[in-house]
Amino acid sequence: MEPVEFGQLYERYAPDVLRFALYLTGSRSEAEDITSETFVRAWTASDPIRVGSVKAYLFMIARNLHVDWRRREARRGDLAAEPADPSPGPHERTEDRTELRVVIAAFQRLPEIDRAALLMRALEELPYESIAAALGLSVAATRVKVHRARLKLAALRERP
């Protein structure tokens, strides 16, 4: 990629990748690290993009970085029970903070692949084909994952 093309790519997709990473991790600092590393990897990649869209390709890289980070952390020991980033975020500006916290807590209890599939579909409105390619699943399995993730999220929200 030429520098101009890369700069345009970064300007267009960095906010989406950051938001995606933030929802995956729950930590602003970790999400920023993942976003930076995602674009470094995209810039230095020698292989052509095999996913249907650039956005899905970047999400695939971000998700893989998140999964790798979690594996390394699991080898080091248990993660802290408290949130990694206590600074106020966008959710602080909503009217119903309690409901949002319940939803976020329930969302974080979903398996990682379910969170990724649901985020790509619901938040980023990616087509199932792009999500399937990014997650290494069939389109049918991706549709099922998204549907079941929505059901699990609804069920988790109902529990205290």
C-alpha atoms as a PDB file:
ATOM      1  CA  MET A   1       0.000   0.000   0.000  1.00  0.00           C
ATOM      2  CA  GLU A   2       1.186   3.479  -0.757  1.00  0.00           C
ATOM      3  CA  PRO A   3       1.348   5.930   2.175  1.00  0.00           C
ATOM      4  CA  VAL A   4      -1.547   8.037   0.852  1.00  0.00           C
ATOM      5  CA  GLU A   5      -3.749   4.987   0.441  1.00  0.00           C
ATOM      6  CA  PHE A   6      -2.824   3.757   3.889  1.00  0.00           C
ATOM      7  CA  GLY A   7      -3.590   7.143   5.445  1.00  0.00           C
ATOM      8  CA  GLN A   8      -6.994   7.193   3.812  1.00  0.00           C
ATOM      9  CA  LEU A   9      -7.603   3.620   4.934  1.00  0.00           C
ATOM     10  CA  TYR A  10      -6.681   4.548   8.494  1.00  0.00           C
ATOM     11  CA  GLU A  11      -8.850   7.675   8.537  1.00  0.00           C
ATOM     12  CA  ARG A  12     -11.838   5.803   7.200  1.00  0.00           C
ATOM     13  CA  TYR A  13     -11.684   2.628   9.312  1.00  0.00           C
ATOM     14  CA  ALA A  14      -9.766   3.435  12.518  1.00  0.00           C
ATOM     15  CA  PRO A  15     -12.867   4.617  14.441  1.00  0.00           C
ATOM     16  CA  ASP A  16     -14.731   1.417  13.469  1.00  0.00           C
ATOM     17  CA  VAL A  17     -11.816  -0.823  14.444  1.00  0.00           C
ATOM     18  CA  LEU A  18     -11.381   1.028  17.741  1.00  0.00           C
ATOM     19  CA  ARG A  19     -15.083   0.698  18.561  1.00  0.00           C
ATOM     20  CA  PHE A  20     -15.014  -3.012  17.650  1.00  0.00           C
ATOM     21  CA  ALA A  21     -11.912  -3.616  19.795  1.00  0.00           C
ATOM     22  CA  LEU A  22     -13.406  -1.629  22.680  1.00  0.00           C
ATOM     23  CA  TYR A  23     -16.520  -3.791  22.680  1.00  0.00           C
ATOM     24  CA  LEU A  24     -14.401  -6.948  22.516  1.00  0.00           C
ATOM     25  CA  THR A  25     -12.034  -5.971  25.302  1.00  0.00           C
ATOM     26  CA  GLY A  26     -13.906  -3.571  27.564  1.00  0.00           C
ATOM     27  CA  SER A  27     -10.645  -1.662  27.953  1.00  0.00           C
ATOM     28  CA  ARG A  28      -9.919   1.582  26.127  1.00  0.00           C
ATOM     29  CA  SER A  29      -6.144   1.229  26.391  1.00  0.00           C
ATOM     30  CA  GLU A  30      -6.199  -2.365  25.148  1.00  0.00           C
ATOM     31  CA  ALA A  31      -8.572  -1.387  22.331  1.00  0.00           C
ATOM     32  CA  GLU A  32      -6.219   1.411  21.275  1.00  0.00           C
ATOM     33  CA  ASP A  33      -3.292  -1.029  21.261  1.00  0.00           C
ATOM     34  CA  ILE A  34      -5.260  -3.521  19.189  1.00  0.00           C
ATOM     35  CA  THR A  35      -6.310  -0.800  16.755  1.00  0.00           C
ATOM     36  CA  SER A  36      -2.742   0.378  16.270  1.00  0.00           C
ATOM     37  CA  GLU A  37      -1.431  -3.135  15.823  1.00  0.00           C
ATOM     38  CA  THR A  38      -4.264  -3.953  13.400  1.00  0.00           C
ATOM     39  CA  PHE A  39      -3.214  -1.184  11.044  1.00  0.00           C
ATOM     40  CA  VAL A  40       0.470  -2.056  11.381  1.00  0.00           C
ATOM     41  CA  ARG A  41      -0.324  -5.625  10.376  1.00  0.00           C
ATOM     42  CA  ALA A  42      -2.561  -4.509   7.516  1.00  0.00           C
ATOM     43  CA  TRP A  43       0.147  -2.174   6.247  1.00  0.00           C
ATOM     44  CA  THR A  44       2.923  -4.755   6.427  1.00  0.00           C
ATOM     45  CA  ALA A  45       0.876  -7.707   5.148  1.00  0.00           C
ATOM     46  CA  SER A  46       2.267  -9.256   2.005  1.00  0.00           C
ATOM     47  CA  ASP A  47      -0.754 -11.453   1.326  1.00  0.00           C
ATOM     48  CA  PRO A  48      -3.755 -10.100  -0.571  1.00  0.00           C
ATOM     49  CA  ILE A  49      -6.987  -9.487   1.320  1.00  0.00           C
ATOM     50  CA  ARG A  50      -9.043 -12.688   1.263  1.00  0.00           C
ATOM     51  CA  VAL A  51     -12.080 -11.381   3.104  1.00  0.00           C
ATOM     52  CA  GLY A  52     -14.977  -9.752   1.238  1.00  0.00           C
ATOM     53  CA  SER A  53     -14.292  -6.202   2.432  1.00  0.00           C
ATOM     54  CA  VAL A  54     -11.471  -4.147   3.885  1.00  0.00           C
ATOM     55  CA  LYS A  55     -13.532  -3.520   7.011  1.00  0.00           C
ATOM     56  CA  ALA A  56     -14.076  -7.243   7.592  1.00  0.00           C
ATOM     57  CA  TYR A  57     -10.365  -7.844   6.979  1.00  0.00           C
ATOM     58  CA  LEU A  58      -9.428  -5.261   9.608  1.00  0.00           C
ATOM     59  CA  PHE A  59     -11.958  -6.716  12.062  1.00  0.00           C
ATOM     60  CA  MET A  60     -10.483 -10.171  11.466  1.00  0.00           C
ATOM     61  CA  ILE A  61      -7.005  -8.866  12.330  1.00  0.00           C
ATOM     62  CA  ALA A  62      -8.325  -7.047  15.424  1.00  0.00           C
ATOM     63  CA  ARG A  63     -10.193 -10.119  16.622  1.00  0.00           C
ATOM     64  CA  ASN A  64      -7.154 -12.341  16.113  1.00  0.00           C
ATOM     65  CA  LEU A  65      -5.017  -9.907  18.092  1.00  0.00           C
ATOM     66  CA  HIS A  66      -7.615  -9.916  20.877  1.00  0.00           C
ATOM     67  CA  VAL A  67      -7.733 -13.727  20.944  1.00  0.00           C
ATOM     68  CA  ASP A  68      -3.929 -13.921  21.016  1.00  0.00           C
ATOM     69  CA  TRP A  69      -3.769 -11.396  23.876  1.00  0.00           C
ATOM     70  CA  ARG A  70      -6.355 -13.372  25.882  1.00  0.00           C
ATOM     71  CA  ARG A  71      -4.386 -16.597  25.372  1.00  0.00           C
ATOM     72  CA  ARG A  72      -1.202 -14.953  26.633  1.00  0.00           C
ATOM     73  CA  GLU A  73      -3.064 -13.538  29.630  1.00  0.00           C
ATOM     74  CA  ALA A  74      -4.607 -16.932  30.411  1.00  0.00           C
ATOM     75  CA  ARG A  75      -1.127 -18.440  30.583  1.00  0.00           C
ATOM     76  CA  ARG A  76      -0.043 -15.712  33.010  1.00  0.00           C
ATOM     77  CA  GLY A  77      -2.958 -16.223  35.389  1.00  0.00           C
ATOM     78  CA  ASP A  78      -6.482 -15.022  36.066  1.00  0.00           C
ATOM     79  CA  LEU A  79      -7.620 -11.650  34.823  1.00  0.00           C
ATOM     80  CA  ALA A  80      -8.656  -9.024  37.326  1.00  0.00           C
ATOM     81  CA  ALA A  81     -12.362  -9.076  38.199  1.00  0.00           C
ATOM     82  CA  GLU A  82     -12.692  -5.298  38.047  1.00  0.00           C
ATOM     83  CA  PRO A  83     -12.858  -3.372  34.772  1.00  0.00           C
ATOM     84  CA  ALA A  84      -9.485  -2.579  33.274  1.00  0.00           C
ATOM     85  CA  ASP A  85     -10.413   0.987  32.363  1.00  0.00           C
ATOM     86  CA  PRO A  86     -12.357   2.921  35.035  1.00  0.00           C
ATOM     87  CA  SER A  87     -12.342   6.209  33.084  1.00  0.00           C
ATOM     88  CA  PRO A  88     -15.696   7.421  31.813  1.00  0.00           C
ATOM     89  CA  GLY A  89     -16.638   6.394  28.304  1.00  0.00           C
ATOM     90  CA  PRO A  90     -19.525   6.912  25.904  1.00  0.00           C
ATOM     91  CA  HIS A  91     -21.856   4.798  28.025  1.00  0.00           C
ATOM     92  CA  GLU A  92     -21.593   7.370  30.816  1.00  0.00           C
ATOM     93  CA  ARG A  93     -23.529   9.854  28.664  1.00  0.00           C
ATOM     94  CA  THR A  94     -26.625   7.712  28.281  1.00  0.00           C
ATOM     95  CA  GLU A  95     -29.788   8.357  30.270  1.00  0.00           C
ATOM     96  CA  ASP A  96     -30.179   4.830  31.570  1.00  0.00           C
ATOM     97  CA  ARG A  97     -26.734   3.943  32.885  1.00  0.00           C
ATOM     98  CA  THR A  98     -27.933   0.994  34.914  1.00  0.00           C
ATOM     99  CA  GLU A  99     -29.522  -0.746  31.927  1.00  0.00           C
ATOM    100  CA  LEU A 100     -26.454  -0.136  29.809  1.00  0.00           C
ATOM    101  CA  ARG A 101     -24.176  -1.603  32.474  1.00  0.00           C
ATOM    102  CA  VAL A 102     -26.392  -4.693  32.650  1.00  0.00           C
ATOM    103  CA  VAL A 103     -26.228  -5.101  28.878  1.00  0.00           C
ATOM    104  CA  ILE A 104     -22.459  -4.622  28.774  1.00  0.00           C
ATOM    105  CA  ALA A 105     -21.919  -7.086  31.615  1.00  0.00           C
ATOM    106  CA  ALA A 106     -24.138  -9.628  29.880  1.00  0.00           C
ATOM    107  CA  PHE A 107     -22.355  -8.996  26.588  1.00  0.00           C
ATOM    108  CA  GLN A 108     -18.949  -9.593  28.181  1.00  0.00           C
ATOM    109  CA  ARG A 109     -20.191 -12.986  29.458  1.00  0.00           C
ATOM    110  CA  LEU A 110     -20.837 -14.193  25.908  1.00  0.00           C
ATOM    111  CA  PRO A 111     -18.135 -16.361  24.338  1.00  0.00           C
ATOM    112  CA  GLU A 112     -15.619 -14.267  22.400  1.00  0.00           C
ATOM    113  CA  ILE A 113     -16.562 -15.598  18.965  1.00  0.00           C
ATOM    114  CA  ASP A 114     -20.243 -14.897  19.672  1.00  0.00           C
ATOM    115  CA  ARG A 115     -19.387 -11.316  20.695  1.00  0.00           C
ATOM    116  CA  ALA A 116     -17.338 -10.816  17.544  1.00  0.00           C
ATOM    117  CA  ALA A 117     -20.050 -12.208  15.253  1.00  0.00           C
ATOM    118  CA  LEU A 118     -22.792 -10.170  16.929  1.00  0.00           C
ATOM    119  CA  LEU A 119     -20.735  -6.970  16.837  1.00  0.00           C
ATOM    120  CA  MET A 120     -19.863  -7.346  13.182  1.00  0.00           C
ATOM    121  CA  ARG A 121     -23.500  -7.951  12.271  1.00  0.00           C
ATOM    122  CA  ALA A 122     -25.451  -5.684  14.621  1.00  0.00           C
ATOM    123  CA  LEU A 123     -23.080  -2.782  15.129  1.00  0.00           C
ATOM    124  CA  GLU A 124     -21.110  -2.732  11.891  1.00  0.00           C
ATOM    125  CA  GLU A 125     -23.856  -4.192   9.657  1.00  0.00           C
ATOM    126  CA  LEU A 126     -21.426  -6.422   7.793  1.00  0.00           C
ATOM    127  CA  PRO A 127     -22.927  -9.073   5.520  1.00  0.00           C
ATOM    128  CA  TYR A 128     -22.934 -12.632   6.839  1.00  0.00           C
ATOM    129  CA  GLU A 129     -20.514 -13.649   4.084  1.00  0.00           C
ATOM    130  CA  SER A 130     -17.884 -11.174   5.290  1.00  0.00           C
ATOM    131  CA  ILE A 131     -18.382 -12.174   8.921  1.00  0.00           C
ATOM    132  CA  ALA A 132     -18.094 -15.853   8.005  1.00  0.00           C
ATOM    133  CA  ALA A 133     -14.843 -15.225   6.148  1.00  0.00           C
ATOM    134  CA  ALA A 134     -13.427 -13.141   9.009  1.00  0.00           C
ATOM    135  CA  LEU A 135     -14.294 -15.779  11.630  1.00  0.00           C
ATOM    136  CA  GLY A 136     -13.456 -18.825   9.525  1.00  0.00           C
ATOM    137  CA  LEU A 137     -17.026 -20.183   9.631  1.00  0.00           C
ATOM    138  CA  SER A 138     -19.629 -21.124   7.056  1.00  0.00           C
ATOM    139  CA  VAL A 139     -22.323 -18.569   6.284  1.00  0.00           C
ATOM    140  CA  ALA A 140     -24.957 -20.849   7.825  1.00  0.00           C
ATOM    141  CA  ALA A 141     -22.905 -21.285  11.008  1.00  0.00           C
ATOM    142  CA  THR A 142     -22.412 -17.532  11.165  1.00  0.00           C
ATOM    143  CA  ARG A 143     -26.160 -16.889  10.921  1.00  0.00           C
ATOM    144  CA  VAL A 144     -26.739 -19.395  13.721  1.00  0.00           C
ATOM    145  CA  LYS A 145     -23.978 -17.818  15.858  1.00  0.00           C
ATOM    146  CA  VAL A 146     -25.494 -14.346  15.512  1.00  0.00           C
ATOM    147  CA  HIS A 147     -29.006 -15.598  16.254  1.00  0.00           C
ATOM    148  CA  ARG A 148     -27.911 -17.598  19.291  1.00  0.00           C
ATOM    149  CA  ALA A 149     -25.743 -14.742  20.561  1.00  0.00           C
ATOM    150  CA  ARG A 150     -28.795 -12.468  20.482  1.00  0.00           C
ATOM    151  CA  LEU A 151     -30.831 -15.059  22.380  1.00  0.00           C
ATOM    152  CA  LYS A 152     -28.051 -15.612  24.948  1.00  0.00           C
ATOM    153  CA  LEU A 153     -27.661 -11.872  25.428  1.00  0.00           C
ATOM    154  CA  ALA A 154     -31.391 -11.480  26.035  1.00  0.00           C
ATOM    155  CA  ALA A 155     -31.352 -14.368  28.516  1.00  0.00           C
ATOM    156  CA  LEU A 156     -28.291 -12.983  30.351  1.00  0.00           C
ATOM    157  CA  ARG A 157     -29.939  -9.561  30.637  1.00  0.00           C
ATOM    158  CA  GLU A 158     -32.902 -11.151  32.413  1.00  0.00           C
ATOM    159  CA  ARG A 159     -30.699 -12.670  35.113  1.00  0.00           C
ATOM    160  CA  PRO A 160     -29.552 -10.524  38.022  1.00  0.00           C
END
